[in-house]
């Protein structure tokens, strides 16, 4: 497993992933480089080569998490970094920060710790001092509330596979962003 082959195969996917979290292109490039340095340093530790893609994305996610942690950015970075407007078009990303902010705190905090900070659910349970089963159900409920929020604000629908489908309304017609 050569790092150069991993780069050729996965660097575009890793870039898109990091770019979805960090909008500054210079920082994205730095984080990609840091990711592949870590990959190169640890490539001999991977035992199951069939899981290489998930291993790469785990490293990238941890690099992004460390970046936000080092820069002392907490849940506020949802509005400042992850969903920073890059153009004047309205998208589903514009609605997400408000949908998250509208969640009751008992659902919002475990969701942010899991889906934004990338903590394992067991770590979240320990940090919040609540049972693991409670954390799991709170995260699931929070995700369902966000789905419902998209259905309410943007008239999205669930398809037969349980995925949200629809077109984002213009900002003037969005019930969340206007």
N, C-alpha and C. Protein backbone atom coordinates (compact mmCIF):
# COMPACT_ATOMS: atom_id res chain seq x y z
N UNK A 1 0.85 -1.17 0.00
CA UNK A 1 0.00 0.00 0.00
C UNK A 1 0.90 1.24 0.00
N UNK A 2 1.00 1.87 -1.13
CA UNK A 2 1.83 3.06 -1.29
C UNK A 2 0.99 4.31 -1.03
N UNK A 3 1.56 5.27 -0.34
CA UNK A 3 0.87 6.52 -0.06
C UNK A 3 0.50 7.24 -1.35
N UNK A 4 1.37 7.18 -2.33
CA UNK A 4 1.08 7.86 -3.60
C UNK A 4 -0.17 7.26 -4.28
N UNK A 5 -0.34 5.94 -4.17
CA UNK A 5 -1.54 5.31 -4.72
C UNK A 5 -2.79 5.72 -3.95
N UNK A 6 -2.66 5.79 -2.64
CA UNK A 6 -3.79 6.25 -1.82
C UNK A 6 -4.16 7.69 -2.18
N UNK A 7 -3.14 8.51 -2.38
CA UNK A 7 -3.37 9.90 -2.76
C UNK A 7 -4.14 9.97 -4.08
N UNK A 8 -3.64 9.24 -5.07
CA UNK A 8 -4.28 9.26 -6.40
C UNK A 8 -5.73 8.80 -6.33
N UNK A 9 -6.00 7.81 -5.51
CA UNK A 9 -7.33 7.22 -5.44
C UNK A 9 -8.30 8.05 -4.59
N UNK A 10 -7.83 8.61 -3.48
CA UNK A 10 -8.75 9.18 -2.50
C UNK A 10 -8.63 10.68 -2.23
N UNK A 11 -7.60 11.36 -2.72
CA UNK A 11 -7.41 12.74 -2.28
C UNK A 11 -8.58 13.65 -2.66
N UNK A 12 -9.24 13.42 -3.79
CA UNK A 12 -10.38 14.27 -4.17
C UNK A 12 -11.55 14.08 -3.20
N UNK A 13 -11.81 12.82 -2.82
CA UNK A 13 -12.89 12.55 -1.86
C UNK A 13 -12.58 13.16 -0.49
N UNK A 14 -11.34 13.02 -0.06
CA UNK A 14 -10.93 13.58 1.23
C UNK A 14 -11.04 15.11 1.18
N UNK A 15 -10.64 15.69 0.06
CA UNK A 15 -10.73 17.15 -0.10
C UNK A 15 -12.18 17.62 0.00
N UNK A 16 -13.08 16.93 -0.68
CA UNK A 16 -14.50 17.31 -0.62
C UNK A 16 -15.04 17.20 0.81
N UNK A 17 -14.63 16.14 1.49
CA UNK A 17 -15.06 15.95 2.88
C UNK A 17 -14.57 17.10 3.76
N UNK A 18 -13.28 17.41 3.68
CA UNK A 18 -12.73 18.48 4.52
C UNK A 18 -13.32 19.82 4.11
N UNK A 19 -13.49 20.04 2.81
CA UNK A 19 -14.08 21.29 2.31
C UNK A 19 -15.51 21.47 2.82
N UNK A 20 -16.23 20.38 3.06
CA UNK A 20 -17.59 20.50 3.59
C UNK A 20 -17.58 20.98 5.04
N UNK A 21 -16.44 20.86 5.71
CA UNK A 21 -16.33 21.28 7.10
C UNK A 21 -15.62 22.62 7.26
N UNK A 22 -14.64 22.87 6.39
CA UNK A 22 -13.81 24.07 6.49
C UNK A 22 -13.85 24.77 5.14
N UNK A 23 -14.28 26.00 5.12
CA UNK A 23 -14.47 26.70 3.84
C UNK A 23 -13.22 27.42 3.33
N UNK A 24 -12.23 27.62 4.16
CA UNK A 24 -11.01 28.31 3.75
C UNK A 24 -10.10 27.34 2.98
N UNK A 25 -9.86 27.63 1.69
CA UNK A 25 -9.10 26.71 0.83
C UNK A 25 -7.68 26.46 1.32
N UNK A 26 -7.03 27.47 1.86
CA UNK A 26 -5.67 27.28 2.38
C UNK A 26 -5.66 26.29 3.54
N UNK A 27 -6.63 26.44 4.42
CA UNK A 27 -6.73 25.54 5.57
C UNK A 27 -7.08 24.14 5.09
N UNK A 28 -7.99 24.04 4.11
CA UNK A 28 -8.34 22.74 3.54
C UNK A 28 -7.09 22.05 3.01
N UNK A 29 -6.27 22.76 2.24
CA UNK A 29 -5.04 22.17 1.70
C UNK A 29 -4.10 21.72 2.81
N UNK A 30 -3.98 22.53 3.86
CA UNK A 30 -3.13 22.16 4.99
C UNK A 30 -3.64 20.89 5.68
N UNK A 31 -4.96 20.81 5.85
CA UNK A 31 -5.54 19.66 6.53
C UNK A 31 -5.45 18.39 5.68
N UNK A 32 -5.56 18.53 4.36
CA UNK A 32 -5.37 17.37 3.48
C UNK A 32 -3.93 16.87 3.60
N UNK A 33 -2.99 17.81 3.56
CA UNK A 33 -1.59 17.43 3.68
C UNK A 33 -1.33 16.74 5.02
N UNK A 34 -1.88 17.30 6.07
CA UNK A 34 -1.71 16.71 7.40
C UNK A 34 -2.32 15.31 7.46
N UNK A 35 -3.48 15.15 6.81
CA UNK A 35 -4.14 13.84 6.76
C UNK A 35 -3.24 12.80 6.10
N UNK A 36 -2.69 13.15 4.95
CA UNK A 36 -1.87 12.16 4.23
C UNK A 36 -0.50 11.95 4.87
N UNK A 37 -0.02 12.91 5.62
CA UNK A 37 1.21 12.68 6.40
C UNK A 37 0.91 11.64 7.47
N UNK A 38 -0.24 11.79 8.12
CA UNK A 38 -0.62 10.82 9.15
C UNK A 38 -0.88 9.45 8.53
N UNK A 39 -1.50 9.42 7.36
CA UNK A 39 -1.73 8.17 6.65
C UNK A 39 -0.40 7.49 6.36
N UNK A 40 0.54 8.26 5.82
CA UNK A 40 1.86 7.71 5.48
C UNK A 40 2.56 7.17 6.73
N UNK A 41 2.48 7.90 7.82
CA UNK A 41 3.16 7.49 9.06
C UNK A 41 2.54 6.24 9.68
N UNK A 42 1.25 6.02 9.41
CA UNK A 42 0.55 4.92 10.09
C UNK A 42 0.05 3.83 9.15
N UNK A 43 0.42 3.87 7.88
CA UNK A 43 -0.14 2.93 6.91
C UNK A 43 0.19 1.48 7.23
N UNK A 44 1.28 1.23 7.91
CA UNK A 44 1.63 -0.15 8.26
C UNK A 44 0.82 -0.69 9.44
N UNK A 45 0.08 0.18 10.10
CA UNK A 45 -0.74 -0.25 11.24
C UNK A 45 -2.11 -0.77 10.81
N UNK A 46 -2.52 -0.48 9.58
CA UNK A 46 -3.82 -0.92 9.09
C UNK A 46 -3.76 -2.41 8.78
N UNK A 47 -4.61 -3.17 9.43
CA UNK A 47 -4.58 -4.63 9.26
C UNK A 47 -5.55 -5.09 8.17
N UNK A 48 -6.72 -4.47 8.13
CA UNK A 48 -7.75 -4.89 7.18
C UNK A 48 -7.80 -3.89 6.03
N UNK A 49 -7.19 -4.22 4.92
CA UNK A 49 -7.10 -3.31 3.79
C UNK A 49 -8.43 -3.08 3.10
N UNK A 50 -9.43 -3.90 3.40
CA UNK A 50 -10.76 -3.68 2.81
C UNK A 50 -11.45 -2.46 3.46
N UNK A 51 -10.91 -1.98 4.57
CA UNK A 51 -11.50 -0.84 5.28
C UNK A 51 -10.67 0.42 5.10
N UNK A 52 -9.89 0.46 4.06
CA UNK A 52 -8.95 1.57 3.88
C UNK A 52 -9.66 2.91 3.73
N UNK A 53 -10.76 2.94 2.99
CA UNK A 53 -11.47 4.20 2.76
C UNK A 53 -12.02 4.75 4.08
N UNK A 54 -12.66 3.92 4.86
CA UNK A 54 -13.20 4.40 6.14
C UNK A 54 -12.07 4.81 7.08
N UNK A 55 -10.93 4.12 7.01
CA UNK A 55 -9.77 4.48 7.82
C UNK A 55 -9.27 5.87 7.43
N UNK A 56 -9.19 6.14 6.13
CA UNK A 56 -8.76 7.46 5.65
C UNK A 56 -9.70 8.56 6.12
N UNK A 57 -11.00 8.31 6.01
CA UNK A 57 -11.96 9.32 6.41
C UNK A 57 -11.96 9.53 7.92
N UNK A 58 -11.69 8.49 8.67
CA UNK A 58 -11.58 8.65 10.13
C UNK A 58 -10.39 9.54 10.47
N UNK A 59 -9.29 9.33 9.79
CA UNK A 59 -8.11 10.18 10.01
C UNK A 59 -8.45 11.62 9.64
N UNK A 60 -9.08 11.83 8.49
CA UNK A 60 -9.43 13.18 8.05
C UNK A 60 -10.38 13.85 9.05
N UNK A 61 -11.38 13.10 9.51
CA UNK A 61 -12.33 13.65 10.49
C UNK A 61 -11.61 14.07 11.76
N UNK A 62 -10.68 13.25 12.23
CA UNK A 62 -9.94 13.58 13.44
C UNK A 62 -9.03 14.80 13.23
N UNK A 63 -8.45 14.93 12.05
CA UNK A 63 -7.61 16.09 11.74
C UNK A 63 -8.46 17.36 11.78
N UNK A 64 -9.65 17.30 11.19
CA UNK A 64 -10.56 18.47 11.20
C UNK A 64 -10.98 18.80 12.62
N UNK A 65 -11.32 17.77 13.39
CA UNK A 65 -11.70 17.97 14.79
C UNK A 65 -10.57 18.63 15.56
N UNK A 66 -9.35 18.13 15.37
CA UNK A 66 -8.19 18.71 16.06
C UNK A 66 -7.98 20.17 15.65
N UNK A 67 -8.20 20.45 14.38
CA UNK A 67 -8.06 21.83 13.90
C UNK A 67 -9.03 22.75 14.66
N UNK A 68 -10.28 22.35 14.75
CA UNK A 68 -11.26 23.18 15.45
C UNK A 68 -10.94 23.28 16.94
N UNK A 69 -10.49 22.17 17.51
CA UNK A 69 -10.14 22.16 18.93
C UNK A 69 -8.95 23.09 19.20
N UNK A 70 -7.93 23.02 18.36
CA UNK A 70 -6.74 23.86 18.54
C UNK A 70 -7.06 25.34 18.39
N UNK A 71 -8.04 25.64 17.59
CA UNK A 71 -8.42 27.03 17.37
C UNK A 71 -9.54 27.48 18.30
N UNK A 72 -9.79 26.66 19.32
CA UNK A 72 -10.76 26.99 20.36
C UNK A 72 -12.15 27.30 19.80
N UNK A 73 -12.51 26.60 18.76
CA UNK A 73 -13.83 26.80 18.19
C UNK A 73 -14.73 25.69 18.69
N UNK A 74 -15.83 26.06 19.31
CA UNK A 74 -16.76 25.08 19.84
C UNK A 74 -17.98 25.04 18.95
N UNK A 75 -19.16 24.91 19.55
CA UNK A 75 -20.37 24.78 18.75
C UNK A 75 -20.65 26.02 17.92
N UNK A 76 -20.02 27.16 18.25
CA UNK A 76 -20.21 28.36 17.45
C UNK A 76 -19.68 28.20 16.03
N UNK A 77 -18.75 27.25 15.83
CA UNK A 77 -18.19 27.12 14.49
C UNK A 77 -19.20 26.58 13.50
N UNK A 78 -20.33 26.09 13.96
CA UNK A 78 -21.38 25.67 13.01
C UNK A 78 -21.75 26.85 12.14
N UNK A 79 -21.97 27.98 12.77
CA UNK A 79 -22.36 29.16 12.00
C UNK A 79 -21.17 29.83 11.33
N UNK A 80 -20.00 29.77 11.94
CA UNK A 80 -18.85 30.52 11.44
C UNK A 80 -18.04 29.79 10.39
N UNK A 81 -17.82 28.49 10.55
CA UNK A 81 -16.91 27.77 9.66
C UNK A 81 -17.64 26.80 8.74
N UNK A 82 -18.37 25.87 9.31
CA UNK A 82 -18.93 24.80 8.50
C UNK A 82 -19.94 25.31 7.49
N UNK A 83 -20.79 26.22 7.90
CA UNK A 83 -21.86 26.65 7.03
C UNK A 83 -21.71 28.09 6.59
N UNK A 84 -20.48 28.54 6.53
CA UNK A 84 -20.18 29.89 6.08
C UNK A 84 -20.69 30.03 4.64
N UNK A 85 -21.43 31.07 4.36
CA UNK A 85 -21.97 31.25 3.02
C UNK A 85 -20.84 31.51 2.05
N UNK A 86 -20.85 30.76 0.95
CA UNK A 86 -19.83 30.94 -0.05
C UNK A 86 -20.37 31.68 -1.26
N UNK A 87 -21.69 31.77 -1.38
CA UNK A 87 -22.29 32.53 -2.46
C UNK A 87 -23.66 33.02 -2.02
N UNK A 88 -24.37 33.67 -2.90
CA UNK A 88 -25.64 34.24 -2.52
C UNK A 88 -26.80 33.27 -2.66
N UNK A 89 -26.58 32.10 -3.23
CA UNK A 89 -27.65 31.11 -3.39
C UNK A 89 -28.05 30.55 -2.03
N UNK A 90 -29.29 30.17 -1.94
CA UNK A 90 -29.82 29.57 -0.72
C UNK A 90 -29.74 28.06 -0.87
N UNK A 91 -29.22 27.38 0.14
CA UNK A 91 -29.15 25.92 0.08
C UNK A 91 -29.60 25.34 1.41
N UNK A 92 -29.69 24.02 1.45
CA UNK A 92 -30.11 23.35 2.68
C UNK A 92 -29.12 23.60 3.82
N UNK A 93 -27.87 23.92 3.50
CA UNK A 93 -26.89 24.22 4.53
C UNK A 93 -27.22 25.51 5.27
N UNK A 94 -27.94 26.41 4.59
CA UNK A 94 -28.33 27.67 5.23
C UNK A 94 -29.34 27.43 6.35
N UNK A 95 -30.16 26.41 6.20
CA UNK A 95 -31.20 26.11 7.19
C UNK A 95 -30.68 25.32 8.39
N UNK A 96 -29.64 24.52 8.17
CA UNK A 96 -29.19 23.59 9.20
C UNK A 96 -28.80 24.24 10.53
N UNK A 97 -28.02 25.33 10.54
CA UNK A 97 -27.67 25.90 11.85
C UNK A 97 -28.90 26.28 12.67
N UNK A 98 -29.89 26.86 12.02
CA UNK A 98 -31.10 27.25 12.75
C UNK A 98 -31.89 26.02 13.19
N UNK A 99 -31.95 25.00 12.35
CA UNK A 99 -32.64 23.76 12.74
C UNK A 99 -31.96 23.15 13.96
N UNK A 100 -30.63 23.17 13.99
CA UNK A 100 -29.90 22.65 15.15
C UNK A 100 -30.15 23.53 16.38
N UNK A 101 -30.10 24.85 16.20
CA UNK A 101 -30.32 25.76 17.33
C UNK A 101 -31.71 25.62 17.92
N UNK A 102 -32.68 25.21 17.11
CA UNK A 102 -34.05 25.06 17.60
C UNK A 102 -34.29 23.75 18.34
N UNK A 103 -33.33 22.83 18.28
CA UNK A 103 -33.48 21.57 19.01
C UNK A 103 -33.44 21.83 20.51
N UNK A 104 -34.23 21.09 21.29
CA UNK A 104 -34.09 21.19 22.74
C UNK A 104 -32.66 20.83 23.13
N UNK A 105 -32.15 21.47 24.14
CA UNK A 105 -30.74 21.31 24.54
C UNK A 105 -30.37 19.86 24.80
N UNK A 106 -31.29 19.08 25.37
CA UNK A 106 -30.97 17.69 25.68
C UNK A 106 -30.74 16.86 24.43
N UNK A 107 -31.24 17.30 23.29
CA UNK A 107 -30.98 16.62 22.02
C UNK A 107 -29.84 17.29 21.25
N UNK A 108 -29.77 18.61 21.35
CA UNK A 108 -28.77 19.36 20.60
C UNK A 108 -27.34 19.01 21.03
N UNK A 109 -27.09 18.98 22.33
CA UNK A 109 -25.73 18.74 22.81
C UNK A 109 -25.17 17.38 22.40
N UNK A 110 -25.91 16.26 22.60
CA UNK A 110 -25.35 14.98 22.14
C UNK A 110 -25.15 14.94 20.62
N UNK A 111 -26.05 15.56 19.86
CA UNK A 111 -25.91 15.59 18.41
C UNK A 111 -24.64 16.34 18.00
N UNK A 112 -24.39 17.50 18.59
CA UNK A 112 -23.20 18.27 18.26
C UNK A 112 -21.93 17.52 18.63
N UNK A 113 -21.94 16.90 19.80
CA UNK A 113 -20.76 16.14 20.23
C UNK A 113 -20.49 14.96 19.30
N UNK A 114 -21.55 14.34 18.81
CA UNK A 114 -21.40 13.18 17.94
C UNK A 114 -21.09 13.57 16.50
N UNK A 115 -21.96 14.37 15.91
CA UNK A 115 -21.89 14.61 14.47
C UNK A 115 -20.96 15.76 14.09
N UNK A 116 -20.70 16.66 15.00
CA UNK A 116 -19.80 17.77 14.68
C UNK A 116 -18.42 17.54 15.26
N UNK A 117 -18.36 17.21 16.53
CA UNK A 117 -17.05 16.99 17.16
C UNK A 117 -16.50 15.61 16.90
N UNK A 118 -17.36 14.67 16.49
CA UNK A 118 -16.89 13.33 16.14
C UNK A 118 -16.60 12.42 17.31
N UNK A 119 -17.19 12.73 18.48
CA UNK A 119 -16.97 11.87 19.64
C UNK A 119 -17.78 10.59 19.51
N UNK A 120 -17.27 9.53 20.07
CA UNK A 120 -18.00 8.27 20.13
C UNK A 120 -19.14 8.43 21.15
N UNK A 121 -20.21 7.68 20.92
CA UNK A 121 -21.37 7.82 21.80
C UNK A 121 -21.04 7.44 23.25
N UNK A 122 -20.16 6.51 23.44
CA UNK A 122 -19.75 6.14 24.80
C UNK A 122 -19.05 7.31 25.48
N UNK A 123 -18.20 8.04 24.74
CA UNK A 123 -17.51 9.21 25.29
C UNK A 123 -18.53 10.29 25.66
N UNK A 124 -19.53 10.45 24.82
CA UNK A 124 -20.57 11.46 25.08
C UNK A 124 -21.31 11.12 26.36
N UNK A 125 -21.67 9.85 26.52
CA UNK A 125 -22.38 9.41 27.72
C UNK A 125 -21.55 9.71 28.97
N UNK A 126 -20.26 9.43 28.90
CA UNK A 126 -19.38 9.70 30.04
C UNK A 126 -19.27 11.20 30.30
N UNK A 127 -19.11 11.98 29.22
CA UNK A 127 -18.96 13.43 29.37
C UNK A 127 -20.22 14.08 29.94
N UNK A 128 -21.39 13.61 29.48
CA UNK A 128 -22.65 14.21 29.95
C UNK A 128 -23.19 13.55 31.21
N UNK A 129 -22.59 12.42 31.59
CA UNK A 129 -23.03 11.72 32.79
C UNK A 129 -24.41 11.10 32.66
N UNK A 130 -24.71 10.58 31.48
CA UNK A 130 -26.00 9.93 31.25
C UNK A 130 -25.75 8.56 30.63
N UNK A 131 -26.73 7.64 30.73
CA UNK A 131 -26.53 6.30 30.17
C UNK A 131 -26.32 6.32 28.66
N UNK A 132 -25.54 5.36 28.16
CA UNK A 132 -25.26 5.24 26.74
C UNK A 132 -26.55 5.10 25.92
N UNK A 133 -27.50 4.32 26.42
CA UNK A 133 -28.76 4.13 25.69
C UNK A 133 -29.51 5.44 25.54
N UNK A 134 -29.42 6.31 26.54
CA UNK A 134 -30.06 7.63 26.47
C UNK A 134 -29.40 8.49 25.41
N UNK A 135 -28.08 8.46 25.37
CA UNK A 135 -27.34 9.23 24.35
C UNK A 135 -27.75 8.76 22.96
N UNK A 136 -27.78 7.46 22.75
CA UNK A 136 -28.15 6.91 21.44
C UNK A 136 -29.54 7.38 21.03
N UNK A 137 -30.49 7.30 21.94
CA UNK A 137 -31.86 7.69 21.57
C UNK A 137 -31.97 9.20 21.37
N UNK A 138 -31.22 10.00 22.15
CA UNK A 138 -31.27 11.45 21.98
C UNK A 138 -30.68 11.86 20.63
N UNK A 139 -29.61 11.22 20.20
CA UNK A 139 -29.02 11.53 18.90
C UNK A 139 -29.98 11.14 17.78
N UNK A 140 -30.59 9.97 17.89
CA UNK A 140 -31.55 9.55 16.87
C UNK A 140 -32.74 10.51 16.81
N UNK A 141 -33.25 10.90 17.97
CA UNK A 141 -34.38 11.84 17.99
C UNK A 141 -33.99 13.19 17.40
N UNK A 142 -32.79 13.66 17.72
CA UNK A 142 -32.32 14.94 17.17
C UNK A 142 -32.25 14.87 15.65
N UNK A 143 -31.73 13.78 15.12
CA UNK A 143 -31.65 13.63 13.66
C UNK A 143 -33.04 13.61 13.04
N UNK A 144 -33.97 12.93 13.69
CA UNK A 144 -35.35 12.90 13.18
C UNK A 144 -35.99 14.29 13.23
N UNK A 145 -35.68 15.05 14.27
CA UNK A 145 -36.21 16.41 14.38
C UNK A 145 -35.66 17.30 13.27
N UNK A 146 -34.40 17.11 12.94
CA UNK A 146 -33.80 17.89 11.85
C UNK A 146 -34.45 17.51 10.52
N UNK A 147 -34.67 16.22 10.31
CA UNK A 147 -35.36 15.78 9.09
C UNK A 147 -36.75 16.41 9.02
N UNK A 148 -37.46 16.38 10.14
CA UNK A 148 -38.79 16.98 10.17
C UNK A 148 -38.71 18.48 9.93
N UNK A 149 -37.66 19.11 10.44
CA UNK A 149 -37.47 20.53 10.22
C UNK A 149 -37.31 20.85 8.74
N UNK A 150 -36.55 20.03 8.03
CA UNK A 150 -36.41 20.23 6.58
C UNK A 150 -37.75 20.01 5.87
N UNK A 151 -38.52 19.06 6.35
CA UNK A 151 -39.82 18.81 5.74
C UNK A 151 -40.76 19.99 5.99
N UNK A 152 -40.67 20.58 7.17
CA UNK A 152 -41.53 21.72 7.51
C UNK A 152 -41.10 23.01 6.82
N UNK A 153 -39.78 23.28 6.81
CA UNK A 153 -39.32 24.57 6.30
C UNK A 153 -39.17 24.58 4.78
N UNK A 154 -38.77 23.48 4.21
CA UNK A 154 -38.44 23.47 2.78
C UNK A 154 -39.32 22.54 1.96
N UNK A 155 -40.32 21.96 2.62
CA UNK A 155 -41.25 21.03 1.95
C UNK A 155 -40.54 19.83 1.34
N UNK A 156 -39.44 19.39 1.95
CA UNK A 156 -38.79 18.17 1.49
C UNK A 156 -39.72 17.00 1.84
N UNK A 157 -39.52 15.90 1.17
CA UNK A 157 -40.28 14.67 1.42
C UNK A 157 -39.30 13.53 1.63
N UNK A 158 -39.77 12.47 2.28
CA UNK A 158 -38.96 11.26 2.41
C UNK A 158 -39.31 10.34 1.25
N UNK A 159 -38.27 9.83 0.56
CA UNK A 159 -38.54 8.88 -0.52
C UNK A 159 -38.70 7.48 0.06
N UNK A 160 -38.87 6.49 -0.80
CA UNK A 160 -39.08 5.11 -0.36
C UNK A 160 -37.90 4.55 0.42
N UNK A 161 -36.71 5.12 0.21
CA UNK A 161 -35.52 4.67 0.92
C UNK A 161 -35.31 5.41 2.23
N UNK A 162 -36.22 6.32 2.57
CA UNK A 162 -36.11 7.08 3.80
C UNK A 162 -35.16 8.26 3.72
N UNK A 163 -34.85 8.71 2.49
CA UNK A 163 -33.94 9.84 2.30
C UNK A 163 -34.75 11.08 1.92
N UNK A 164 -34.26 12.24 2.39
CA UNK A 164 -34.91 13.50 2.07
C UNK A 164 -34.69 13.83 0.60
N UNK A 165 -35.76 14.23 -0.06
CA UNK A 165 -35.66 14.64 -1.45
C UNK A 165 -36.48 15.92 -1.62
N UNK A 166 -36.08 16.71 -2.57
CA UNK A 166 -36.79 17.94 -2.87
C UNK A 166 -35.82 19.01 -3.31
N UNK A 167 -36.36 20.15 -3.64
CA UNK A 167 -35.54 21.26 -4.05
C UNK A 167 -35.61 22.35 -3.00
N UNK A 168 -34.49 22.96 -2.76
CA UNK A 168 -34.43 24.04 -1.78
C UNK A 168 -35.16 25.25 -2.34
N UNK A 169 -35.99 25.85 -1.50
CA UNK A 169 -36.71 27.06 -1.89
C UNK A 169 -35.75 28.24 -1.88
N UNK A 170 -36.14 29.31 -2.52
CA UNK A 170 -35.38 30.54 -2.41
C UNK A 170 -35.45 31.05 -0.98
N UNK A 171 -34.49 31.84 -0.59
CA UNK A 171 -34.41 32.33 0.79
C UNK A 171 -35.70 33.05 1.21
N UNK A 172 -36.30 33.77 0.28
CA UNK A 172 -37.51 34.51 0.60
C UNK A 172 -38.70 33.60 0.90
N UNK A 173 -38.65 32.34 0.43
CA UNK A 173 -39.75 31.40 0.65
C UNK A 173 -39.46 30.38 1.75
N UNK A 174 -38.24 30.41 2.29
CA UNK A 174 -37.85 29.45 3.32
C UNK A 174 -38.43 29.92 4.66
N UNK A 175 -39.06 29.01 5.37
CA UNK A 175 -39.69 29.35 6.65
C UNK A 175 -38.66 29.53 7.77
N UNK A 176 -37.45 29.03 7.57
CA UNK A 176 -36.41 29.14 8.59
C UNK A 176 -35.54 30.37 8.36
N UNK A 177 -35.13 30.59 7.13
CA UNK A 177 -34.11 31.61 6.82
C UNK A 177 -34.64 32.99 6.54
N UNK A 178 -35.90 33.15 6.33
CA UNK A 178 -36.38 34.50 5.96
C UNK A 178 -36.46 35.43 7.12
